[in-house]
Amino acid sequence: MRFPDFSEIIRWIGIIFCGVGIILVDILWTILGWKLFAGICGAFSSFGFVPE
């Protein structure tokens, strides 16, 4: 079993972050109007979770 490289780690962090974020952002957007979180998640998505 090989150790995953850095880009894979970033990708999985992005996937987990956004997966949880989709749930949290619904709550936070309603309560706090916290758009930063959605913006970060959107940035991950637009880069395919791996910033170039």
PDB file of N, CA and C in Angstrom:
ATOM      1  N   MET A   1       0.852  -1.191   0.000  1.00  0.00           N
ATOM      2  CA  MET A   1       0.000   0.000   0.000  1.00  0.00           C
ATOM      3  C   MET A   1       0.887   1.241   0.000  1.00  0.00           C
ATOM      4  N   ARG A   2       0.785   2.014  -1.060  1.00  0.00           N
ATOM      5  CA  ARG A   2       1.636   3.193  -1.166  1.00  0.00           C
ATOM      6  C   ARG A   2       1.052   4.362  -0.381  1.00  0.00           C
ATOM      7  N   PHE A   3       1.931   5.233   0.038  1.00  0.00           N
ATOM      8  CA  PHE A   3       1.491   6.434   0.743  1.00  0.00           C
ATOM      9  C   PHE A   3       0.937   7.421  -0.281  1.00  0.00           C
ATOM     10  N   PRO A   4      -0.253   7.986  -0.043  1.00  0.00           N
ATOM     11  CA  PRO A   4      -0.839   8.909  -1.017  1.00  0.00           C
ATOM     12  C   PRO A   4      -0.008  10.183  -1.133  1.00  0.00           C
ATOM     13  N   ASP A   5       0.087  10.724  -2.332  1.00  0.00           N
ATOM     14  CA  ASP A   5       0.846  11.962  -2.505  1.00  0.00           C
ATOM     15  C   ASP A   5       0.020  13.167  -2.045  1.00  0.00           C
ATOM     16  N   PHE A   6       0.686  14.302  -2.009  1.00  0.00           N
ATOM     17  CA  PHE A   6       0.080  15.493  -1.416  1.00  0.00           C
ATOM     18  C   PHE A   6      -1.207  15.906  -2.116  1.00  0.00           C
ATOM     19  N   SER A   7      -1.226  15.822  -3.442  1.00  0.00           N
ATOM     20  CA  SER A   7      -2.421  16.237  -4.183  1.00  0.00           C
ATOM     21  C   SER A   7      -3.631  15.359  -3.850  1.00  0.00           C
ATOM     22  N   GLU A   8      -3.392  14.074  -3.603  1.00  0.00           N
ATOM     23  CA  GLU A   8      -4.491  13.190  -3.195  1.00  0.00           C
ATOM     24  C   GLU A   8      -5.016  13.562  -1.816  1.00  0.00           C
ATOM     25  N   ILE A   9      -4.101  13.897  -0.911  1.00  0.00           N
ATOM     26  CA  ILE A   9      -4.501  14.314   0.437  1.00  0.00           C
ATOM     27  C   ILE A   9      -5.365  15.571   0.355  1.00  0.00           C
ATOM     28  N   ILE A  10      -4.905  16.556  -0.421  1.00  0.00           N
ATOM     29  CA  ILE A  10      -5.672  17.790  -0.610  1.00  0.00           C
ATOM     30  C   ILE A  10      -7.046  17.483  -1.192  1.00  0.00           C
ATOM     31  N   ARG A  11      -7.073  16.588  -2.179  1.00  0.00           N
ATOM     32  CA  ARG A  11      -8.334  16.229  -2.829  1.00  0.00           C
ATOM     33  C   ARG A  11      -9.311  15.621  -1.828  1.00  0.00           C
ATOM     34  N   TRP A  12      -8.843  14.687  -1.013  1.00  0.00           N
ATOM     35  CA  TRP A  12      -9.725  14.045  -0.029  1.00  0.00           C
ATOM     36  C   TRP A  12     -10.179  15.015   1.050  1.00  0.00           C
ATOM     37  N   ILE A  13      -9.278  15.912   1.468  1.00  0.00           N
ATOM     38  CA  ILE A  13      -9.688  16.952   2.416  1.00  0.00           C
ATOM     39  C   ILE A  13     -10.809  17.792   1.805  1.00  0.00           C
ATOM     40  N   GLY A  14     -10.633  18.140   0.536  1.00  0.00           N
ATOM     41  CA  GLY A  14     -11.660  18.917  -0.162  1.00  0.00           C
ATOM     42  C   GLY A  14     -12.988  18.198  -0.247  1.00  0.00           C
ATOM     43  N   ILE A  15     -12.953  16.918  -0.589  1.00  0.00           N
ATOM     44  CA  ILE A  15     -14.181  16.126  -0.704  1.00  0.00           C
ATOM     45  C   ILE A  15     -14.894  16.030   0.642  1.00  0.00           C
ATOM     46  N   ILE A  16     -14.139  15.724   1.693  1.00  0.00           N
ATOM     47  CA  ILE A  16     -14.729  15.607   3.029  1.00  0.00           C
ATOM     48  C   ILE A  16     -15.246  16.970   3.490  1.00  0.00           C
ATOM     49  N   PHE A  17     -14.415  17.996   3.295  1.00  0.00           N
ATOM     50  CA  PHE A  17     -14.770  19.360   3.686  1.00  0.00           C
ATOM     51  C   PHE A  17     -16.066  19.798   3.023  1.00  0.00           C
ATOM     52  N   CYS A  18     -16.173  19.534   1.734  1.00  0.00           N
ATOM     53  CA  CYS A  18     -17.364  19.953   0.997  1.00  0.00           C
ATOM     54  C   CYS A  18     -18.564  19.064   1.306  1.00  0.00           C
ATOM     55  N   GLY A  19     -18.332  17.778   1.515  1.00  0.00           N
ATOM     56  CA  GLY A  19     -19.424  16.871   1.876  1.00  0.00           C
ATOM     57  C   GLY A  19     -20.081  17.280   3.181  1.00  0.00           C
ATOM     58  N   VAL A  20     -19.247  17.563   4.185  1.00  0.00           N
ATOM     59  CA  VAL A  20     -19.756  18.056   5.461  1.00  0.00           C
ATOM     60  C   VAL A  20     -20.268  19.482   5.291  1.00  0.00           C
ATOM     61  N   GLY A  21     -19.551  20.250   4.484  1.00  0.00           N
ATOM     62  CA  GLY A  21     -19.893  21.651   4.266  1.00  0.00           C
ATOM     63  C   GLY A  21     -21.271  21.865   3.674  1.00  0.00           C
ATOM     64  N   ILE A  22     -21.678  20.965   2.789  1.00  0.00           N
ATOM     65  CA  ILE A  22     -23.009  21.069   2.183  1.00  0.00           C
ATOM     66  C   ILE A  22     -24.089  21.049   3.262  1.00  0.00           C
ATOM     67  N   ILE A  23     -23.903  20.198   4.265  1.00  0.00           N
ATOM     68  CA  ILE A  23     -24.847  20.129   5.384  1.00  0.00           C
ATOM     69  C   ILE A  23     -24.720  21.374   6.261  1.00  0.00           C
ATOM     70  N   LEU A  24     -23.483  21.688   6.641  1.00  0.00           N
ATOM     71  CA  LEU A  24     -23.256  22.814   7.540  1.00  0.00           C
ATOM     72  C   LEU A  24     -23.653  24.148   6.926  1.00  0.00           C
ATOM     73  N   VAL A  25     -23.374  24.299   5.627  1.00  0.00           N
ATOM     74  CA  VAL A  25     -23.632  25.602   5.011  1.00  0.00           C
ATOM     75  C   VAL A  25     -25.121  25.917   4.978  1.00  0.00           C
ATOM     76  N   ASP A  26     -25.957  24.887   4.856  1.00  0.00           N
ATOM     77  CA  ASP A  26     -27.407  25.099   4.939  1.00  0.00           C
ATOM     78  C   ASP A  26     -27.792  25.685   6.288  1.00  0.00           C
ATOM     79  N   ILE A  27     -27.207  25.146   7.338  1.00  0.00           N
ATOM     80  CA  ILE A  27     -27.485  25.630   8.692  1.00  0.00           C
ATOM     81  C   ILE A  27     -26.885  27.018   8.893  1.00  0.00           C
ATOM     82  N   LEU A  28     -25.589  27.140   8.562  1.00  0.00           N
ATOM     83  CA  LEU A  28     -24.877  28.391   8.802  1.00  0.00           C
ATOM     84  C   LEU A  28     -25.407  29.527   7.942  1.00  0.00           C
ATOM     85  N   TRP A  29     -25.731  29.212   6.691  1.00  0.00           N
ATOM     86  CA  TRP A  29     -26.257  30.242   5.787  1.00  0.00           C
ATOM     87  C   TRP A  29     -27.547  30.810   6.354  1.00  0.00           C
ATOM     88  N   THR A  30     -28.397  29.928   6.898  1.00  0.00           N
ATOM     89  CA  THR A  30     -29.667  30.341   7.478  1.00  0.00           C
ATOM     90  C   THR A  30     -29.464  31.151   8.761  1.00  0.00           C
ATOM     91  N   ILE A  31     -28.612  30.640   9.643  1.00  0.00           N
ATOM     92  CA  ILE A  31     -28.444  31.274  10.952  1.00  0.00           C
ATOM     93  C   ILE A  31     -27.521  32.491  10.879  1.00  0.00           C
ATOM     94  N   LEU A  32     -26.383  32.332  10.217  1.00  0.00           N
ATOM     95  CA  LEU A  32     -25.334  33.342  10.250  1.00  0.00           C
ATOM     96  C   LEU A  32     -25.157  34.089   8.942  1.00  0.00           C
ATOM     97  N   GLY A  33     -25.705  33.518   7.853  1.00  0.00           N
ATOM     98  CA  GLY A  33     -25.415  34.099   6.546  1.00  0.00           C
ATOM     99  C   GLY A  33     -23.929  34.011   6.217  1.00  0.00           C
ATOM    100  N   TRP A  34     -23.298  32.911   6.624  1.00  0.00           N
ATOM    101  CA  TRP A  34     -21.847  32.767   6.513  1.00  0.00           C
ATOM    102  C   TRP A  34     -21.476  32.291   5.116  1.00  0.00           C
ATOM    103  N   LYS A  35     -21.204  33.230   4.233  1.00  0.00           N
ATOM    104  CA  LYS A  35     -20.976  32.919   2.828  1.00  0.00           C
ATOM    105  C   LYS A  35     -19.532  32.512   2.545  1.00  0.00           C
ATOM    106  N   LEU A  36     -18.617  32.827   3.445  1.00  0.00           N
ATOM    107  CA  LEU A  36     -17.209  32.486   3.250  1.00  0.00           C
ATOM    108  C   LEU A  36     -17.026  30.986   3.077  1.00  0.00           C
ATOM    109  N   PHE A  37     -17.713  30.217   3.925  1.00  0.00           N
ATOM    110  CA  PHE A  37     -17.609  28.761   3.876  1.00  0.00           C
ATOM    111  C   PHE A  37     -18.022  28.230   2.514  1.00  0.00           C
ATOM    112  N   ALA A  38     -19.141  28.731   2.016  1.00  0.00           N
ATOM    113  CA  ALA A  38     -19.621  28.324   0.698  1.00  0.00           C
ATOM    114  C   ALA A  38     -18.639  28.748  -0.393  1.00  0.00           C
ATOM    115  N   GLY A  39     -18.029  29.889  -0.235  1.00  0.00           N
ATOM    116  CA  GLY A  39     -17.042  30.371  -1.197  1.00  0.00           C
ATOM    117  C   GLY A  39     -15.814  29.478  -1.260  1.00  0.00           C
ATOM    118  N   ILE A  40     -15.330  29.043  -0.093  1.00  0.00           N
ATOM    119  CA  ILE A  40     -14.183  28.136  -0.033  1.00  0.00           C
ATOM    120  C   ILE A  40     -14.532  26.810  -0.690  1.00  0.00           C
ATOM    121  N   CYS A  41     -15.686  26.280  -0.355  1.00  0.00           N
ATOM    122  CA  CYS A  41     -16.132  25.012  -0.929  1.00  0.00           C
ATOM    123  C   CYS A  41     -16.296  25.130  -2.439  1.00  0.00           C
ATOM    124  N   GLY A  42     -16.846  26.232  -2.887  1.00  0.00           N
ATOM    125  CA  GLY A  42     -16.989  26.476  -4.319  1.00  0.00           C
ATOM    126  C   GLY A  42     -15.645  26.544  -5.031  1.00  0.00           C
ATOM    127  N   ALA A  43     -14.648  27.127  -4.347  1.00  0.00           N
ATOM    128  CA  ALA A  43     -13.307  27.196  -4.924  1.00  0.00           C
ATOM    129  C   ALA A  43     -12.720  25.796  -5.095  1.00  0.00           C
ATOM    130  N   PHE A  44     -12.881  24.950  -4.084  1.00  0.00           N
ATOM    131  CA  PHE A  44     -12.440  23.558  -4.184  1.00  0.00           C
ATOM    132  C   PHE A  44     -13.119  22.860  -5.360  1.00  0.00           C
ATOM    133  N   SER A  45     -14.415  23.049  -5.476  1.00  0.00           N
ATOM    134  CA  SER A  45     -15.174  22.391  -6.540  1.00  0.00           C
ATOM    135  C   SER A  45     -14.723  22.851  -7.923  1.00  0.00           C
ATOM    136  N   SER A  46     -14.520  24.144  -8.084  1.00  0.00           N
ATOM    137  CA  SER A  46     -14.148  24.677  -9.393  1.00  0.00           C
ATOM    138  C   SER A  46     -12.754  24.233  -9.821  1.00  0.00           C
ATOM    139  N   PHE A  47     -11.899  23.935  -8.849  1.00  0.00           N
ATOM    140  CA  PHE A  47     -10.556  23.430  -9.147  1.00  0.00           C
ATOM    141  C   PHE A  47     -10.502  21.906  -9.144  1.00  0.00           C
ATOM    142  N   GLY A  48     -11.653  21.262  -9.048  1.00  0.00           N
ATOM    143  CA  GLY A  48     -11.662  19.801  -8.982  1.00  0.00           C
ATOM    144  C   GLY A  48     -11.017  19.303  -7.706  1.00  0.00           C
ATOM    145  N   PHE A  49     -11.121  20.064  -6.644  1.00  0.00           N
ATOM    146  CA  PHE A  49     -10.571  19.781  -5.319  1.00  0.00           C
ATOM    147  C   PHE A  49      -9.051  19.862  -5.254  1.00  0.00           C
ATOM    148  N   VAL A  50      -8.389  20.106  -6.378  1.00  0.00           N
ATOM    149  CA  VAL A  50      -6.929  20.197  -6.370  1.00  0.00           C
ATOM    150  C   VAL A  50      -6.508  21.513  -7.017  1.00  0.00           C
ATOM    151  N   PRO A  51      -6.228  22.542  -6.205  1.00  0.00           N
ATOM    152  CA  PRO A  51      -5.751  23.802  -6.770  1.00  0.00           C
ATOM    153  C   PRO A  51      -4.499  23.580  -7.605  1.00  0.00           C
ATOM    154  N   GLU A  52      -4.472  24.172  -8.774  1.00  0.00           N
ATOM    155  CA  GLU A  52      -3.316  23.983  -9.673  1.00  0.00           C
ATOM    156  C   GLU A  52      -2.129  24.804  -9.176  1.00  0.00           C
TER     157      GLU A  52
END
